[in-house]
Amino acid sequence: MSRTLYKVTFLNHGKVYELYARRVDSGRLWGFVEVAELVFDVHDGLVVDPTEERLRDEFGNTRALHLPMQAILRVEEVEKKGQSAIRDAESGEKVVTPFPLPAKPR
């Protein structure tokens, strides 16, 4: 039997974050939702998703997120993990960190 998996969509600093977690509870703190046991892809190959890497850097050592209820847009119980994302809150387009370009010679 597989464990329950949730897709949590929430607002954070003007962006919409989509994360996957194994546990979502009405938190012990009044007015907050507790999101714990975050799930990230493990890439063994050369192809690395920069958004997934950025989310892992930001939340990788987090035991539980305590998100204000007003920031939660949606909690979905899903069958399998999809791609985590960071989107612009207004346009809905994915926020992509551009590949660093070399400095122009002077």
C-alpha atoms as a PDB file:
ATOM      1  CA  MET A   1       0.000   0.000   0.000  1.00  0.00           C
ATOM      2  CA  SER A   2       1.453   3.358  -0.997  1.00  0.00           C
ATOM      3  CA  ARG A   3       1.456   6.320   1.341  1.00  0.00           C
ATOM      4  CA  THR A   4      -0.799   9.307   0.739  1.00  0.00           C
ATOM      5  CA  LEU A   5       0.766  12.091  -1.320  1.00  0.00           C
ATOM      6  CA  TYR A   6      -0.426  15.707  -1.421  1.00  0.00           C
ATOM      7  CA  LYS A   7       0.245  18.524  -3.848  1.00  0.00           C
ATOM      8  CA  VAL A   8       0.214  21.786  -1.889  1.00  0.00           C
ATOM      9  CA  THR A   9      -0.116  25.081  -3.765  1.00  0.00           C
ATOM     10  CA  PHE A  10       0.531  28.261  -1.779  1.00  0.00           C
ATOM     11  CA  LEU A  11       1.562  31.912  -2.111  1.00  0.00           C
ATOM     12  CA  ASN A  12       5.054  32.934  -0.997  1.00  0.00           C
ATOM     13  CA  HIS A  13       6.563  36.404  -1.645  1.00  0.00           C
ATOM     14  CA  GLY A  14       4.389  37.101  -4.688  1.00  0.00           C
ATOM     15  CA  LYS A  15       4.975  33.693  -6.258  1.00  0.00           C
ATOM     16  CA  VAL A  16       2.889  30.530  -6.325  1.00  0.00           C
ATOM     17  CA  TYR A  17       4.763  27.477  -5.033  1.00  0.00           C
ATOM     18  CA  GLU A  18       3.734  23.902  -5.803  1.00  0.00           C
ATOM     19  CA  LEU A  19       5.273  21.320  -3.474  1.00  0.00           C
ATOM     20  CA  TYR A  20       4.582  17.667  -2.718  1.00  0.00           C
ATOM     21  CA  ALA A  21       4.304  16.330   0.827  1.00  0.00           C
ATOM     22  CA  ARG A  22       3.298  13.153   2.635  1.00  0.00           C
ATOM     23  CA  ARG A  23       1.566  14.918   5.525  1.00  0.00           C
ATOM     24  CA  VAL A  24      -0.772  17.939   5.666  1.00  0.00           C
ATOM     25  CA  ASP A  25      -2.532  18.802   8.938  1.00  0.00           C
ATOM     26  CA  SER A  26      -4.381  21.682  10.468  1.00  0.00           C
ATOM     27  CA  GLY A  27      -1.401  22.799  12.485  1.00  0.00           C
ATOM     28  CA  ARG A  28      -0.928  23.025  16.205  1.00  0.00           C
ATOM     29  CA  LEU A  29      -0.629  26.774  15.668  1.00  0.00           C
ATOM     30  CA  TRP A  30      -4.042  28.367  15.237  1.00  0.00           C
ATOM     31  CA  GLY A  31      -4.563  29.701  11.697  1.00  0.00           C
ATOM     32  CA  PHE A  32      -1.698  27.707  10.162  1.00  0.00           C
ATOM     33  CA  VAL A  33      -1.522  24.570   8.029  1.00  0.00           C
ATOM     34  CA  GLU A  34       1.343  22.198   8.778  1.00  0.00           C
ATOM     35  CA  VAL A  35       2.982  20.651   5.704  1.00  0.00           C
ATOM     36  CA  ALA A  36       5.574  17.985   6.503  1.00  0.00           C
ATOM     37  CA  GLU A  37       7.592  15.187   4.930  1.00  0.00           C
ATOM     38  CA  LEU A  38       8.274  17.138   1.740  1.00  0.00           C
ATOM     39  CA  VAL A  39       8.992  15.006  -1.332  1.00  0.00           C
ATOM     40  CA  PHE A  40      11.653  15.963  -3.880  1.00  0.00           C
ATOM     41  CA  ASP A  41      12.885  14.136  -6.995  1.00  0.00           C
ATOM     42  CA  VAL A  42      16.193  12.347  -6.713  1.00  0.00           C
ATOM     43  CA  HIS A  43      18.127  12.793  -9.966  1.00  0.00           C
ATOM     44  CA  ASP A  44      21.029  10.457 -10.602  1.00  0.00           C
ATOM     45  CA  GLY A  45      21.596  11.561 -14.204  1.00  0.00           C
ATOM     46  CA  LEU A  46      22.905  14.666 -15.860  1.00  0.00           C
ATOM     47  CA  VAL A  47      19.534  16.333 -16.402  1.00  0.00           C
ATOM     48  CA  VAL A  48      18.569  18.425 -13.379  1.00  0.00           C
ATOM     49  CA  ASP A  49      15.388  20.466 -13.078  1.00  0.00           C
ATOM     50  CA  PRO A  50      16.516  23.925 -11.848  1.00  0.00           C
ATOM     51  CA  THR A  51      13.164  24.608 -10.158  1.00  0.00           C
ATOM     52  CA  GLU A  52      13.272  21.334  -8.245  1.00  0.00           C
ATOM     53  CA  GLU A  53      16.883  22.073  -7.262  1.00  0.00           C
ATOM     54  CA  ARG A  54      15.927  25.570  -6.065  1.00  0.00           C
ATOM     55  CA  LEU A  55      13.036  24.194  -3.981  1.00  0.00           C
ATOM     56  CA  ARG A  56      15.290  21.501  -2.521  1.00  0.00           C
ATOM     57  CA  ASP A  57      17.858  24.174  -1.576  1.00  0.00           C
ATOM     58  CA  GLU A  58      15.167  26.312   0.067  1.00  0.00           C
ATOM     59  CA  PHE A  59      13.134  23.588   1.811  1.00  0.00           C
ATOM     60  CA  GLY A  60      15.386  20.498   1.833  1.00  0.00           C
ATOM     61  CA  ASN A  61      16.239  20.662   5.544  1.00  0.00           C
ATOM     62  CA  THR A  62      12.746  21.706   6.610  1.00  0.00           C
ATOM     63  CA  ARG A  63      10.956  19.314   8.969  1.00  0.00           C
ATOM     64  CA  ALA A  64       7.601  21.085   8.635  1.00  0.00           C
ATOM     65  CA  LEU A  65       6.250  24.214   6.994  1.00  0.00           C
ATOM     66  CA  HIS A  66       3.695  26.183   8.992  1.00  0.00           C
ATOM     67  CA  LEU A  67       1.836  28.119   6.316  1.00  0.00           C
ATOM     68  CA  PRO A  68      -0.846  30.725   7.081  1.00  0.00           C
ATOM     69  CA  MET A  69      -4.260  29.457   5.987  1.00  0.00           C
ATOM     70  CA  GLN A  70      -4.693  32.579   3.837  1.00  0.00           C
ATOM     71  CA  ALA A  71      -1.598  31.620   1.807  1.00  0.00           C
ATOM     72  CA  ILE A  72      -2.913  28.157   0.884  1.00  0.00           C
ATOM     73  CA  LEU A  73      -4.506  28.091  -2.569  1.00  0.00           C
ATOM     74  CA  ARG A  74      -5.124  24.362  -2.908  1.00  0.00           C
ATOM     75  CA  VAL A  75      -4.327  20.992  -1.357  1.00  0.00           C
ATOM     76  CA  GLU A  76      -4.784  17.991  -3.642  1.00  0.00           C
ATOM     77  CA  GLU A  77      -4.430  14.301  -2.837  1.00  0.00           C
ATOM     78  CA  VAL A  78      -2.615  12.837  -5.849  1.00  0.00           C
ATOM     79  CA  GLU A  79      -1.651   9.379  -7.104  1.00  0.00           C
ATOM     80  CA  LYS A  80       1.943  10.211  -8.058  1.00  0.00           C
ATOM     81  CA  LYS A  81       4.364  13.101  -7.848  1.00  0.00           C
ATOM     82  CA  GLY A  82       4.403  15.571 -10.698  1.00  0.00           C
ATOM     83  CA  GLN A  83       6.818  18.396 -11.316  1.00  0.00           C
ATOM     84  CA  SER A  84       7.233  20.913  -8.504  1.00  0.00           C
ATOM     85  CA  ALA A  85       6.994  24.510  -9.663  1.00  0.00           C
ATOM     86  CA  ILE A  86       7.368  28.158  -8.791  1.00  0.00           C
ATOM     87  CA  ARG A  87       5.004  30.381 -10.780  1.00  0.00           C
ATOM     88  CA  ASP A  88       4.407  34.095 -11.064  1.00  0.00           C
ATOM     89  CA  ALA A  89       1.249  34.884  -9.064  1.00  0.00           C
ATOM     90  CA  GLU A  90      -0.210  37.210 -11.703  1.00  0.00           C
ATOM     91  CA  SER A  91       0.637  35.546 -15.009  1.00  0.00           C
ATOM     92  CA  GLY A  92       0.808  31.922 -13.833  1.00  0.00           C
ATOM     93  CA  GLU A  93       3.954  31.363 -15.873  1.00  0.00           C
ATOM     94  CA  LYS A  94       6.790  29.356 -14.416  1.00  0.00           C
ATOM     95  CA  VAL A  95       9.569  31.393 -12.870  1.00  0.00           C
ATOM     96  CA  VAL A  96      12.757  30.181 -14.494  1.00  0.00           C
ATOM     97  CA  THR A  97      16.135  31.197 -13.206  1.00  0.00           C
ATOM     98  CA  PRO A  98      18.101  32.194 -16.311  1.00  0.00           C
ATOM     99  CA  PHE A  99      21.340  30.416 -17.043  1.00  0.00           C
ATOM    100  CA  PRO A 100      24.202  32.712 -16.017  1.00  0.00           C
ATOM    101  CA  LEU A 101      25.865  34.264 -19.027  1.00  0.00           C
ATOM    102  CA  PRO A 102      29.523  35.203 -19.084  1.00  0.00           C
ATOM    103  CA  ALA A 103      30.293  38.853 -18.466  1.00  0.00           C
ATOM    104  CA  LYS A 104      30.805  41.015 -21.529  1.00  0.00           C
ATOM    105  CA  PRO A 105      34.408  41.909 -22.151  1.00  0.00           C
ATOM    106  CA  ARG A 106      35.130  45.627 -21.812  1.00  0.00           C
END
